[in-house]
Amino acid sequence: MDEKSYIKAQLALKQMTMSKLAEKMSELSGKKYTRDSINGKFYRESLSVKEMKLIAKILNFTIEYKSL
């Protein structure tokens, strides 16, 4: 499962919209996020690690790094 699919699944489980996620990201970071800007970052694969950590914090999951 790719990152976008995982995050969309987590949003559905928490009954949260992408717009609400953008709102919470804006509140916590002080940077303006919209539903379209987040979707664009997923489409362009340009989501930063910092933004991914912020999403993980909002959706209450952890990011794990493993050696292959």
PDB file of N, CA and C in Angstrom:
ATOM      1  N   MET A   1       0.850  -1.175   0.000  1.00  0.00           N
ATOM      2  CA  MET A   1       0.000   0.000   0.000  1.00  0.00           C
ATOM      3  C   MET A   1       0.898   1.242   0.000  1.00  0.00           C
ATOM      4  N   ASP A   2       0.640   2.167  -0.901  1.00  0.00           N
ATOM      5  CA  ASP A   2       1.445   3.385  -0.937  1.00  0.00           C
ATOM      6  C   ASP A   2       0.994   4.364   0.148  1.00  0.00           C
ATOM      7  N   GLU A   3       1.759   5.427   0.313  1.00  0.00           N
ATOM      8  CA  GLU A   3       1.489   6.387   1.387  1.00  0.00           C
ATOM      9  C   GLU A   3       0.117   7.033   1.255  1.00  0.00           C
ATOM     10  N   LYS A   4      -0.235   7.435   0.044  1.00  0.00           N
ATOM     11  CA  LYS A   4      -1.522   8.099  -0.162  1.00  0.00           C
ATOM     12  C   LYS A   4      -2.673   7.174   0.217  1.00  0.00           C
ATOM     13  N   SER A   5      -2.618   5.934  -0.201  1.00  0.00           N
ATOM     14  CA  SER A   5      -3.676   4.970   0.121  1.00  0.00           C
ATOM     15  C   SER A   5      -3.752   4.731   1.623  1.00  0.00           C
ATOM     16  N   TYR A   6      -2.584   4.627   2.253  1.00  0.00           N
ATOM     17  CA  TYR A   6      -2.560   4.397   3.707  1.00  0.00           C
ATOM     18  C   TYR A   6      -3.187   5.579   4.442  1.00  0.00           C
ATOM     19  N   ILE A   7      -2.814   6.784   4.057  1.00  0.00           N
ATOM     20  CA  ILE A   7      -3.346   7.969   4.728  1.00  0.00           C
ATOM     21  C   ILE A   7      -4.839   8.100   4.479  1.00  0.00           C
ATOM     22  N   LYS A   8      -5.284   7.824   3.261  1.00  0.00           N
ATOM     23  CA  LYS A   8      -6.723   7.885   2.978  1.00  0.00           C
ATOM     24  C   LYS A   8      -7.483   6.846   3.810  1.00  0.00           C
ATOM     25  N   ALA A   9      -6.899   5.672   3.995  1.00  0.00           N
ATOM     26  CA  ALA A   9      -7.532   4.639   4.822  1.00  0.00           C
ATOM     27  C   ALA A   9      -7.609   5.101   6.277  1.00  0.00           C
ATOM     28  N   GLN A  10      -6.527   5.723   6.768  1.00  0.00           N
ATOM     29  CA  GLN A  10      -6.525   6.224   8.142  1.00  0.00           C
ATOM     30  C   GLN A  10      -7.552   7.346   8.317  1.00  0.00           C
ATOM     31  N   LEU A  11      -7.674   8.205   7.320  1.00  0.00           N
ATOM     32  CA  LEU A  11      -8.678   9.268   7.367  1.00  0.00           C
ATOM     33  C   LEU A  11     -10.081   8.671   7.464  1.00  0.00           C
ATOM     34  N   ALA A  12     -10.337   7.654   6.669  1.00  0.00           N
ATOM     35  CA  ALA A  12     -11.654   7.008   6.674  1.00  0.00           C
ATOM     36  C   ALA A  12     -11.938   6.373   8.042  1.00  0.00           C
ATOM     37  N   LEU A  13     -10.941   5.702   8.607  1.00  0.00           N
ATOM     38  CA  LEU A  13     -11.116   5.071   9.918  1.00  0.00           C
ATOM     39  C   LEU A  13     -11.423   6.097  11.004  1.00  0.00           C
ATOM     40  N   LYS A  14     -10.839   7.265  10.860  1.00  0.00           N
ATOM     41  CA  LYS A  14     -11.039   8.312  11.863  1.00  0.00           C
ATOM     42  C   LYS A  14     -12.173   9.268  11.470  1.00  0.00           C
ATOM     43  N   GLN A  15     -12.858   8.937  10.387  1.00  0.00           N
ATOM     44  CA  GLN A  15     -13.973   9.749   9.879  1.00  0.00           C
ATOM     45  C   GLN A  15     -13.551  11.212   9.728  1.00  0.00           C
ATOM     46  N   MET A  16     -12.415  11.397   9.070  1.00  0.00           N
ATOM     47  CA  MET A  16     -11.864  12.731   8.844  1.00  0.00           C
ATOM     48  C   MET A  16     -11.702  12.945   7.343  1.00  0.00           C
ATOM     49  N   THR A  17     -11.976  14.139   6.887  1.00  0.00           N
ATOM     50  CA  THR A  17     -11.811  14.465   5.475  1.00  0.00           C
ATOM     51  C   THR A  17     -10.400  15.009   5.232  1.00  0.00           C
ATOM     52  N   MET A  18     -10.015  15.044   3.966  1.00  0.00           N
ATOM     53  CA  MET A  18      -8.737  15.626   3.589  1.00  0.00           C
ATOM     54  C   MET A  18      -8.745  17.126   3.925  1.00  0.00           C
ATOM     55  N   SER A  19      -9.888  17.762   3.809  1.00  0.00           N
ATOM     56  CA  SER A  19     -10.004  19.186   4.157  1.00  0.00           C
ATOM     57  C   SER A  19      -9.742  19.410   5.642  1.00  0.00           C
ATOM     58  N   LYS A  20     -10.270  18.527   6.481  1.00  0.00           N
ATOM     59  CA  LYS A  20     -10.052  18.633   7.927  1.00  0.00           C
ATOM     60  C   LYS A  20      -8.585  18.374   8.256  1.00  0.00           C
ATOM     61  N   LEU A  21      -7.976  17.426   7.564  1.00  0.00           N
ATOM     62  CA  LEU A  21      -6.548  17.159   7.749  1.00  0.00           C
ATOM     63  C   LEU A  21      -5.750  18.414   7.402  1.00  0.00           C
ATOM     64  N   ALA A  22      -6.079  19.041   6.285  1.00  0.00           N
ATOM     65  CA  ALA A  22      -5.384  20.265   5.869  1.00  0.00           C
ATOM     66  C   ALA A  22      -5.544  21.359   6.911  1.00  0.00           C
ATOM     67  N   GLU A  23      -6.737  21.479   7.457  1.00  0.00           N
ATOM     68  CA  GLU A  23      -7.005  22.482   8.495  1.00  0.00           C
ATOM     69  C   GLU A  23      -6.140  22.240   9.724  1.00  0.00           C
ATOM     70  N   LYS A  24      -6.070  20.987  10.163  1.00  0.00           N
ATOM     71  CA  LYS A  24      -5.270  20.652  11.347  1.00  0.00           C
ATOM     72  C   LYS A  24      -3.777  20.850  11.074  1.00  0.00           C
ATOM     73  N   MET A  25      -3.335  20.514   9.855  1.00  0.00           N
ATOM     74  CA  MET A  25      -1.938  20.733   9.497  1.00  0.00           C
ATOM     75  C   MET A  25      -1.603  22.221   9.546  1.00  0.00           C
ATOM     76  N   SER A  26      -2.504  23.047   9.057  1.00  0.00           N
ATOM     77  CA  SER A  26      -2.304  24.496   9.077  1.00  0.00           C
ATOM     78  C   SER A  26      -2.213  25.013  10.507  1.00  0.00           C
ATOM     79  N   GLU A  27      -3.096  24.533  11.371  1.00  0.00           N
ATOM     80  CA  GLU A  27      -3.101  24.959  12.778  1.00  0.00           C
ATOM     81  C   GLU A  27      -1.791  24.607  13.477  1.00  0.00           C
ATOM     82  N   LEU A  28      -1.323  23.376  13.267  1.00  0.00           N
ATOM     83  CA  LEU A  28      -0.134  22.909  13.978  1.00  0.00           C
ATOM     84  C   LEU A  28       1.167  23.473  13.413  1.00  0.00           C
ATOM     85  N   SER A  29       1.204  23.707  12.106  1.00  0.00           N
ATOM     86  CA  SER A  29       2.457  24.128  11.487  1.00  0.00           C
ATOM     87  C   SER A  29       2.570  25.638  11.289  1.00  0.00           C
ATOM     88  N   GLY A  30       1.427  26.324  11.242  1.00  0.00           N
ATOM     89  CA  GLY A  30       1.446  27.747  10.941  1.00  0.00           C
ATOM     90  C   GLY A  30       1.581  28.036   9.454  1.00  0.00           C
ATOM     91  N   LYS A  31       1.622  26.984   8.649  1.00  0.00           N
ATOM     92  CA  LYS A  31       1.718  27.099   7.197  1.00  0.00           C
ATOM     93  C   LYS A  31       0.350  26.768   6.604  1.00  0.00           C
ATOM     94  N   LYS A  32      -0.026  27.439   5.531  1.00  0.00           N
ATOM     95  CA  LYS A  32      -1.340  27.238   4.925  1.00  0.00           C
ATOM     96  C   LYS A  32      -1.358  25.951   4.089  1.00  0.00           C
ATOM     97  N   TYR A  33      -2.265  25.044   4.449  1.00  0.00           N
ATOM     98  CA  TYR A  33      -2.501  23.820   3.678  1.00  0.00           C
ATOM     99  C   TYR A  33      -3.968  23.779   3.278  1.00  0.00           C
ATOM    100  N   THR A  34      -4.218  23.248   2.084  1.00  0.00           N
ATOM    101  CA  THR A  34      -5.580  23.027   1.613  1.00  0.00           C
ATOM    102  C   THR A  34      -5.698  21.582   1.153  1.00  0.00           C
ATOM    103  N   ARG A  35      -6.926  21.151   0.945  1.00  0.00           N
ATOM    104  CA  ARG A  35      -7.154  19.801   0.422  1.00  0.00           C
ATOM    105  C   ARG A  35      -6.409  19.629  -0.903  1.00  0.00           C
ATOM    106  N   ASP A  36      -6.515  20.645  -1.757  1.00  0.00           N
ATOM    107  CA  ASP A  36      -5.861  20.566  -3.066  1.00  0.00           C
ATOM    108  C   ASP A  36      -4.342  20.558  -2.969  1.00  0.00           C
ATOM    109  N   SER A  37      -3.799  21.331  -2.031  1.00  0.00           N
ATOM    110  CA  SER A  37      -2.335  21.349  -1.922  1.00  0.00           C
ATOM    111  C   SER A  37      -1.802  20.004  -1.431  1.00  0.00           C
ATOM    112  N   ILE A  38      -2.523  19.368  -0.514  1.00  0.00           N
ATOM    113  CA  ILE A  38      -2.089  18.050  -0.028  1.00  0.00           C
ATOM    114  C   ILE A  38      -2.230  17.009  -1.135  1.00  0.00           C
ATOM    115  N   ASN A  39      -3.367  17.015  -1.826  1.00  0.00           N
ATOM    116  CA  ASN A  39      -3.554  16.078  -2.935  1.00  0.00           C
ATOM    117  C   ASN A  39      -2.487  16.275  -4.007  1.00  0.00           C
ATOM    118  N   GLY A  40      -2.140  17.533  -4.287  1.00  0.00           N
ATOM    119  CA  GLY A  40      -1.097  17.821  -5.268  1.00  0.00           C
ATOM    120  C   GLY A  40       0.248  17.269  -4.848  1.00  0.00           C
ATOM    121  N   LYS A  41       0.562  17.386  -3.562  1.00  0.00           N
ATOM    122  CA  LYS A  41       1.831  16.843  -3.057  1.00  0.00           C
ATOM    123  C   LYS A  41       1.870  15.320  -3.200  1.00  0.00           C
ATOM    124  N   PHE A  42       0.747  14.671  -2.948  1.00  0.00           N
ATOM    125  CA  PHE A  42       0.700  13.220  -3.147  1.00  0.00           C
ATOM    126  C   PHE A  42       0.867  12.881  -4.618  1.00  0.00           C
ATOM    127  N   TYR A  43       0.188  13.600  -5.485  1.00  0.00           N
ATOM    128  CA  TYR A  43       0.245  13.340  -6.924  1.00  0.00           C
ATOM    129  C   TYR A  43       1.664  13.528  -7.460  1.00  0.00           C
ATOM    130  N   ARG A  44       2.326  14.609  -7.024  1.00  0.00           N
ATOM    131  CA  ARG A  44       3.682  14.914  -7.491  1.00  0.00           C
ATOM    132  C   ARG A  44       4.755  14.167  -6.699  1.00  0.00           C
ATOM    133  N   GLU A  45       4.326  13.440  -5.665  1.00  0.00           N
ATOM    134  CA  GLU A  45       5.240  12.740  -4.765  1.00  0.00           C
ATOM    135  C   GLU A  45       6.245  13.714  -4.158  1.00  0.00           C
ATOM    136  N   SER A  46       5.732  14.856  -3.681  1.00  0.00           N
ATOM    137  CA  SER A  46       6.608  15.887  -3.126  1.00  0.00           C
ATOM    138  C   SER A  46       6.303  16.198  -1.659  1.00  0.00           C
ATOM    139  N   LEU A  47       5.640  15.277  -0.987  1.00  0.00           N
ATOM    140  CA  LEU A  47       5.358  15.445   0.437  1.00  0.00           C
ATOM    141  C   LEU A  47       6.677  15.333   1.199  1.00  0.00           C
ATOM    142  N   SER A  48       6.983  16.314   2.030  1.00  0.00           N
ATOM    143  CA  SER A  48       8.243  16.280   2.777  1.00  0.00           C
ATOM    144  C   SER A  48       8.138  15.327   3.970  1.00  0.00           C
ATOM    145  N   VAL A  49       9.288  14.945   4.487  1.00  0.00           N
ATOM    146  CA  VAL A  49       9.327  14.100   5.683  1.00  0.00           C
ATOM    147  C   VAL A  49       8.655  14.833   6.839  1.00  0.00           C
ATOM    148  N   LYS A  50       8.919  16.126   6.945  1.00  0.00           N
ATOM    149  CA  LYS A  50       8.319  16.935   8.006  1.00  0.00           C
ATOM    150  C   LYS A  50       6.792  16.909   7.900  1.00  0.00           C
ATOM    151  N   GLU A  51       6.259  17.029   6.680  1.00  0.00           N
ATOM    152  CA  GLU A  51       4.811  16.991   6.478  1.00  0.00           C
ATOM    153  C   GLU A  51       4.253  15.606   6.777  1.00  0.00           C
ATOM    154  N   MET A  52       4.987  14.572   6.409  1.00  0.00           N
ATOM    155  CA  MET A  52       4.536  13.210   6.694  1.00  0.00           C
ATOM    156  C   MET A  52       4.505  12.964   8.200  1.00  0.00           C
ATOM    157  N   LYS A  53       5.492  13.466   8.922  1.00  0.00           N
ATOM    158  CA  LYS A  53       5.502  13.330  10.384  1.00  0.00           C
ATOM    159  C   LYS A  53       4.333  14.082  11.003  1.00  0.00           C
ATOM    160  N   LEU A  54       3.997  15.239  10.446  1.00  0.00           N
ATOM    161  CA  LEU A  54       2.869  16.021  10.931  1.00  0.00           C
ATOM    162  C   LEU A  54       1.561  15.261  10.718  1.00  0.00           C
ATOM    163  N   ILE A  55       1.404  14.665   9.548  1.00  0.00           N
ATOM    164  CA  ILE A  55       0.208  13.864   9.258  1.00  0.00           C
ATOM    165  C   ILE A  55       0.132  12.680  10.210  1.00  0.00           C
ATOM    166  N   ALA A  56       1.264  12.024  10.437  1.00  0.00           N
ATOM    167  CA  ALA A  56       1.301  10.883  11.361  1.00  0.00           C
ATOM    168  C   ALA A  56       0.873  11.309  12.764  1.00  0.00           C
ATOM    169  N   LYS A  57       1.321  12.470  13.188  1.00  0.00           N
ATOM    170  CA  LYS A  57       0.947  12.971  14.513  1.00  0.00           C
ATOM    171  C   LYS A  57      -0.558  13.216  14.587  1.00  0.00           C
ATOM    172  N   ILE A  58      -1.107  13.846  13.563  1.00  0.00           N
ATOM    173  CA  ILE A  58      -2.538  14.159  13.539  1.00  0.00           C
ATOM    174  C   ILE A  58      -3.380  12.883  13.525  1.00  0.00           C
ATOM    175  N   LEU A  59      -2.949  11.906  12.729  1.00  0.00           N
ATOM    176  CA  LEU A  59      -3.723  10.666  12.587  1.00  0.00           C
ATOM    177  C   LEU A  59      -3.326   9.594  13.598  1.00  0.00           C
ATOM    178  N   ASN A  60      -2.376   9.926  14.465  1.00  0.00           N
ATOM    179  CA  ASN A  60      -1.977   9.040  15.547  1.00  0.00           C
ATOM    180  C   ASN A  60      -1.404   7.706  15.055  1.00  0.00           C
ATOM    181  N   PHE A  61      -0.410   7.808  14.166  1.00  0.00           N
ATOM    182  CA  PHE A  61       0.332   6.618  13.786  1.00  0.00           C
ATOM    183  C   PHE A  61       1.812   6.973  13.760  1.00  0.00           C
ATOM    184  N   THR A  62       2.662   5.970  13.697  1.00  0.00           N
ATOM    185  CA  THR A  62       4.099   6.210  13.691  1.00  0.00           C
ATOM    186  C   THR A  62       4.677   5.828  12.336  1.00  0.00           C
ATOM    187  N   ILE A  63       5.799   6.425  12.036  1.00  0.00           N
ATOM    188  CA  ILE A  63       6.541   6.102  10.827  1.00  0.00           C
ATOM    189  C   ILE A  63       7.751   5.303  11.266  1.00  0.00           C
ATOM    190  N   GLU A  64       7.976   4.191  10.639  1.00  0.00           N
ATOM    191  CA  GLU A  64       9.073   3.315  11.021  1.00  0.00           C
ATOM    192  C   GLU A  64      10.048   3.179   9.863  1.00  0.00           C
ATOM    193  N   TYR A  65      11.330   3.308  10.157  1.00  0.00           N
ATOM    194  CA  TYR A  65      12.374   3.153   9.158  1.00  0.00           C
ATOM    195  C   TYR A  65      13.075   1.819   9.438  1.00  0.00           C
ATOM    196  N   LYS A  66      13.217   0.997   8.394  1.00  0.00           N
ATOM    197  CA  LYS A  66      13.836  -0.317   8.559  1.00  0.00           C
ATOM    198  C   LYS A  66      14.931  -0.502   7.511  1.00  0.00           C
ATOM    199  N   SER A  67      15.932  -1.244   7.876  1.00  0.00           N
ATOM    200  CA  SER A  67      16.954  -1.639   6.908  1.00  0.00           C
ATOM    201  C   SER A  67      16.399  -2.757   6.044  1.00  0.00           C
ATOM    202  N   LEU A  68      16.809  -2.769   4.798  1.00  0.00           N
ATOM    203  CA  LEU A  68      16.359  -3.839   3.901  1.00  0.00           C
ATOM    204  C   LEU A  68      17.307  -5.001   3.908  1.00  0.00           C
TER     205      LEU A  68
END
